[in-house]
């Protein structure tokens, strides 16, 4: 049975829909995605909004300080500075 989760995205401002779909495809086979999250300062990024629209899933903004404290599989050193 697939684990139901919210897919969290951290990305550069130049990210496009193809890069987000590619990242999502890497995890969606093992997990049932129920929504997307991103740092509050990127929640209105056009590619992220398009991803949510395409998949019909909600977006959740996460406070930047909370993002820094979360344990993740990957962590951008640039974001932690």
Protein backbone atom coordinates (compact mmCIF):
# COMPACT_ATOMS: atom_id res chain seq x y z
CA UNK A 1 0.00 0.00 0.00
CA UNK A 2 1.37 3.44 -0.97
CA UNK A 3 2.09 5.97 1.74
CA UNK A 4 -0.12 9.08 1.48
CA UNK A 5 1.91 12.26 1.77
CA UNK A 6 2.31 15.92 0.86
CA UNK A 7 5.11 16.42 -1.68
CA UNK A 8 7.35 19.25 -0.55
CA UNK A 9 9.14 21.30 -3.17
CA UNK A 10 12.21 23.44 -2.82
CA UNK A 11 13.35 24.94 -6.09
CA UNK A 12 15.13 27.84 -7.76
CA UNK A 13 13.10 30.76 -9.04
CA UNK A 14 13.92 29.71 -12.62
CA UNK A 15 12.26 26.29 -12.18
CA UNK A 16 9.73 25.31 -14.82
CA UNK A 17 6.80 22.92 -14.91
CA UNK A 18 8.88 20.18 -16.56
CA UNK A 19 11.42 20.17 -13.72
CA UNK A 20 8.69 19.96 -11.08
CA UNK A 21 6.87 17.14 -12.91
CA UNK A 22 10.19 15.30 -13.25
CA UNK A 23 10.81 15.58 -9.50
CA UNK A 24 7.26 14.48 -8.74
CA UNK A 25 7.53 11.46 -11.02
CA UNK A 26 10.52 10.23 -9.03
CA UNK A 27 8.41 9.80 -5.88
CA UNK A 28 4.84 9.35 -7.08
CA UNK A 29 5.30 5.65 -7.92
CA UNK A 30 5.98 4.87 -4.25
CA UNK A 31 3.62 7.39 -2.66
CA UNK A 32 0.08 8.64 -3.05
CA UNK A 33 0.43 12.41 -3.28
CA UNK A 34 -2.40 14.32 -1.55
CA UNK A 35 -1.02 17.84 -2.05
CA UNK A 36 2.04 19.98 -2.54
CA UNK A 37 3.97 22.24 -0.18
CA UNK A 38 6.65 24.87 -0.70
CA UNK A 39 8.27 27.68 1.24
CA UNK A 40 5.88 30.57 1.78
CA UNK A 41 8.00 32.87 -0.41
CA UNK A 42 7.59 30.51 -3.41
CA UNK A 43 3.99 29.38 -3.01
CA UNK A 44 2.82 31.62 -5.86
CA UNK A 45 5.50 30.49 -8.31
CA UNK A 46 3.85 29.98 -11.70
CA UNK A 47 5.28 26.47 -12.26
CA UNK A 48 4.13 25.31 -8.83
CA UNK A 49 0.65 26.74 -9.37
CA UNK A 50 0.49 25.01 -12.76
CA UNK A 51 1.55 21.69 -11.19
CA UNK A 52 -1.23 21.94 -8.61
CA UNK A 53 -3.76 22.81 -11.33
CA UNK A 54 -2.71 19.91 -13.56
CA UNK A 55 -2.94 17.37 -10.74
CA UNK A 56 -5.96 18.97 -9.07
CA UNK A 57 -4.21 19.06 -5.69
CA UNK A 58 -3.98 21.76 -3.01
CA UNK A 59 -0.91 23.86 -2.24
CA UNK A 60 0.31 24.46 1.31
CA UNK A 61 2.70 27.27 2.24
CA UNK A 62 5.27 26.43 4.91
CA UNK A 63 7.00 29.13 6.95
CA UNK A 64 10.63 29.50 5.92
CA UNK A 65 11.98 28.99 9.45
CA UNK A 66 9.95 25.80 9.82
CA UNK A 67 11.30 24.53 6.49
CA UNK A 68 14.86 24.91 7.78
CA UNK A 69 14.11 22.71 10.78
CA UNK A 70 12.50 19.82 8.86
CA UNK A 71 14.31 16.56 8.18
CA UNK A 72 14.28 15.76 4.47
CA UNK A 73 15.94 13.27 2.16
CA UNK A 74 17.63 16.14 0.32
CA UNK A 75 18.55 19.57 1.67
CA UNK A 76 19.87 22.50 -0.31
CA UNK A 77 22.89 24.06 1.37
CA UNK A 78 21.97 27.37 -0.29
CA UNK A 79 18.61 27.40 1.44
CA UNK A 80 20.10 26.70 4.86
CA UNK A 81 22.35 29.77 4.73
